[in-house]
Amino acid sequence: MSTMKIKKGDTVKVITGKDKDKEGKVLSVDLKNNKAIVEGINKVTKHSKPSAANQAGGIIEKEAPIDLSNVMYVHKGKATRIGFKVEGDKKVRVAKSTGEAID
């Protein structure tokens, strides 16, 4: 399995699509399908029937998954690509624009 360039909790910027230039926090990442759910991005409306959890039912708005190729990591307010570097015995993510370690 490959290492993830985008992880849960990262701030990302959408680079293409209907939400272009918007930024948000990654809520979850699906590495198998190469998709992420980003807070406030790619909102869709869903019609739900009344249930025990949702008494009223009706139309709810939620975030849909967006492809990882359509988002870029934001480092110090700027979108940047991510690379990897081995420091000591650990593999760390590195911002390509500055060369600084991310985590």
Protein backbone atom coordinates (compact mmCIF):
# COMPACT_ATOMS: atom_id res chain seq x y z
CA MET A 1 0.00 0.00 0.00
CA SER A 2 1.33 3.42 -0.91
CA THR A 3 1.83 6.21 1.61
CA MET A 4 -0.85 8.92 1.70
CA LYS A 5 0.11 12.42 0.60
CA ILE A 6 -3.13 13.89 1.96
CA LYS A 7 -4.21 12.86 5.46
CA LYS A 8 -7.18 13.46 7.75
CA GLY A 9 -6.93 16.90 9.37
CA ASP A 10 -4.90 18.51 6.55
CA THR A 11 -6.01 21.82 5.06
CA VAL A 12 -6.42 21.51 1.30
CA LYS A 13 -7.33 23.78 -1.61
CA VAL A 14 -9.58 22.64 -4.48
CA ILE A 15 -7.79 23.22 -7.79
CA THR A 16 -10.55 22.27 -10.23
CA GLY A 17 -14.31 21.77 -10.44
CA LYS A 18 -17.34 23.65 -9.13
CA ASP A 19 -15.62 24.53 -5.82
CA LYS A 20 -12.35 25.76 -7.36
CA ASP A 21 -10.16 27.96 -5.08
CA LYS A 22 -12.07 26.99 -1.91
CA GLU A 23 -10.17 25.68 1.11
CA GLY A 24 -11.26 23.21 3.75
CA LYS A 25 -10.17 20.64 6.29
CA VAL A 26 -10.02 16.96 5.28
CA LEU A 27 -12.59 14.97 7.29
CA SER A 28 -11.72 11.52 5.90
CA VAL A 29 -9.63 9.87 3.18
CA ASP A 30 -10.53 6.76 1.17
CA LEU A 31 -7.20 5.53 -0.21
CA LYS A 32 -8.77 2.55 -2.00
CA ASN A 33 -10.94 4.81 -4.19
CA ASN A 34 -8.49 7.77 -4.11
CA LYS A 35 -11.09 10.15 -2.68
CA ALA A 36 -11.41 12.52 0.28
CA ILE A 37 -14.27 14.24 2.07
CA VAL A 38 -13.46 17.91 2.68
CA GLU A 39 -15.37 20.18 5.07
CA GLY A 40 -17.73 22.51 3.16
CA ILE A 41 -16.61 21.29 -0.28
CA ASN A 42 -18.67 19.39 -2.91
CA LYS A 43 -21.96 19.79 -1.03
CA VAL A 44 -24.86 17.67 -2.29
CA THR A 45 -28.52 17.51 -1.24
CA LYS A 46 -29.89 14.17 -0.11
CA HIS A 47 -33.54 13.27 0.40
CA SER A 48 -34.02 11.18 3.54
CA LYS A 49 -37.05 9.35 4.87
CA PRO A 50 -38.05 9.86 8.50
CA SER A 51 -36.24 7.41 10.79
CA ALA A 52 -35.38 6.96 14.45
CA ALA A 53 -32.23 9.07 14.01
CA ASN A 54 -33.89 11.73 11.84
CA GLN A 55 -37.52 12.16 12.97
CA ALA A 56 -38.49 14.82 10.43
CA GLY A 57 -36.73 13.43 7.36
CA GLY A 58 -36.60 15.86 4.43
CA ILE A 59 -33.72 17.31 2.44
CA ILE A 60 -30.29 17.33 4.08
CA GLU A 61 -27.06 18.81 2.75
CA LYS A 62 -23.80 16.88 3.14
CA GLU A 63 -20.29 16.71 1.71
CA ALA A 64 -19.63 14.20 -1.06
CA PRO A 65 -16.21 12.65 -1.77
CA ILE A 66 -13.86 14.56 -4.09
CA ASP A 67 -10.97 13.01 -6.01
CA LEU A 68 -7.53 13.50 -4.45
CA SER A 69 -6.15 14.70 -7.80
CA ASN A 70 -8.45 17.73 -7.51
CA VAL A 71 -7.04 18.99 -4.18
CA MET A 72 -3.65 20.36 -3.11
CA TYR A 73 -2.12 20.58 0.36
CA VAL A 74 -1.95 24.12 1.80
CA HIS A 75 1.36 24.99 3.50
CA LYS A 76 1.72 28.47 5.04
CA GLY A 77 -1.26 29.78 3.07
CA LYS A 78 -0.04 28.48 -0.31
CA ALA A 79 -1.01 25.35 -2.23
CA THR A 80 1.97 23.04 -2.69
CA ARG A 81 2.82 19.58 -3.89
CA ILE A 82 3.99 16.96 -1.41
CA GLY A 83 7.05 14.74 -1.54
CA PHE A 84 8.72 12.35 0.86
CA LYS A 85 12.12 12.37 2.54
CA VAL A 86 13.77 9.91 4.89
CA GLU A 87 15.08 11.66 8.01
CA GLY A 88 17.01 9.26 10.21
CA ASP A 89 14.85 6.15 10.17
CA LYS A 90 11.50 7.94 9.58
CA LYS A 91 9.78 8.76 6.29
CA VAL A 92 8.26 12.27 6.48
CA ARG A 93 6.10 14.35 4.15
CA VAL A 94 7.83 17.40 2.71
CA ALA A 95 6.34 20.52 1.07
CA LYS A 96 7.89 20.81 -2.40
CA SER A 97 7.65 24.63 -2.45
CA THR A 98 9.70 25.20 0.73
CA GLY A 99 11.39 21.86 1.37
CA GLU A 100 10.14 21.89 4.97
CA ALA A 101 8.88 18.77 6.76
CA ILE A 102 5.12 18.79 7.28
CA ASP A 103 4.73 16.34 10.16
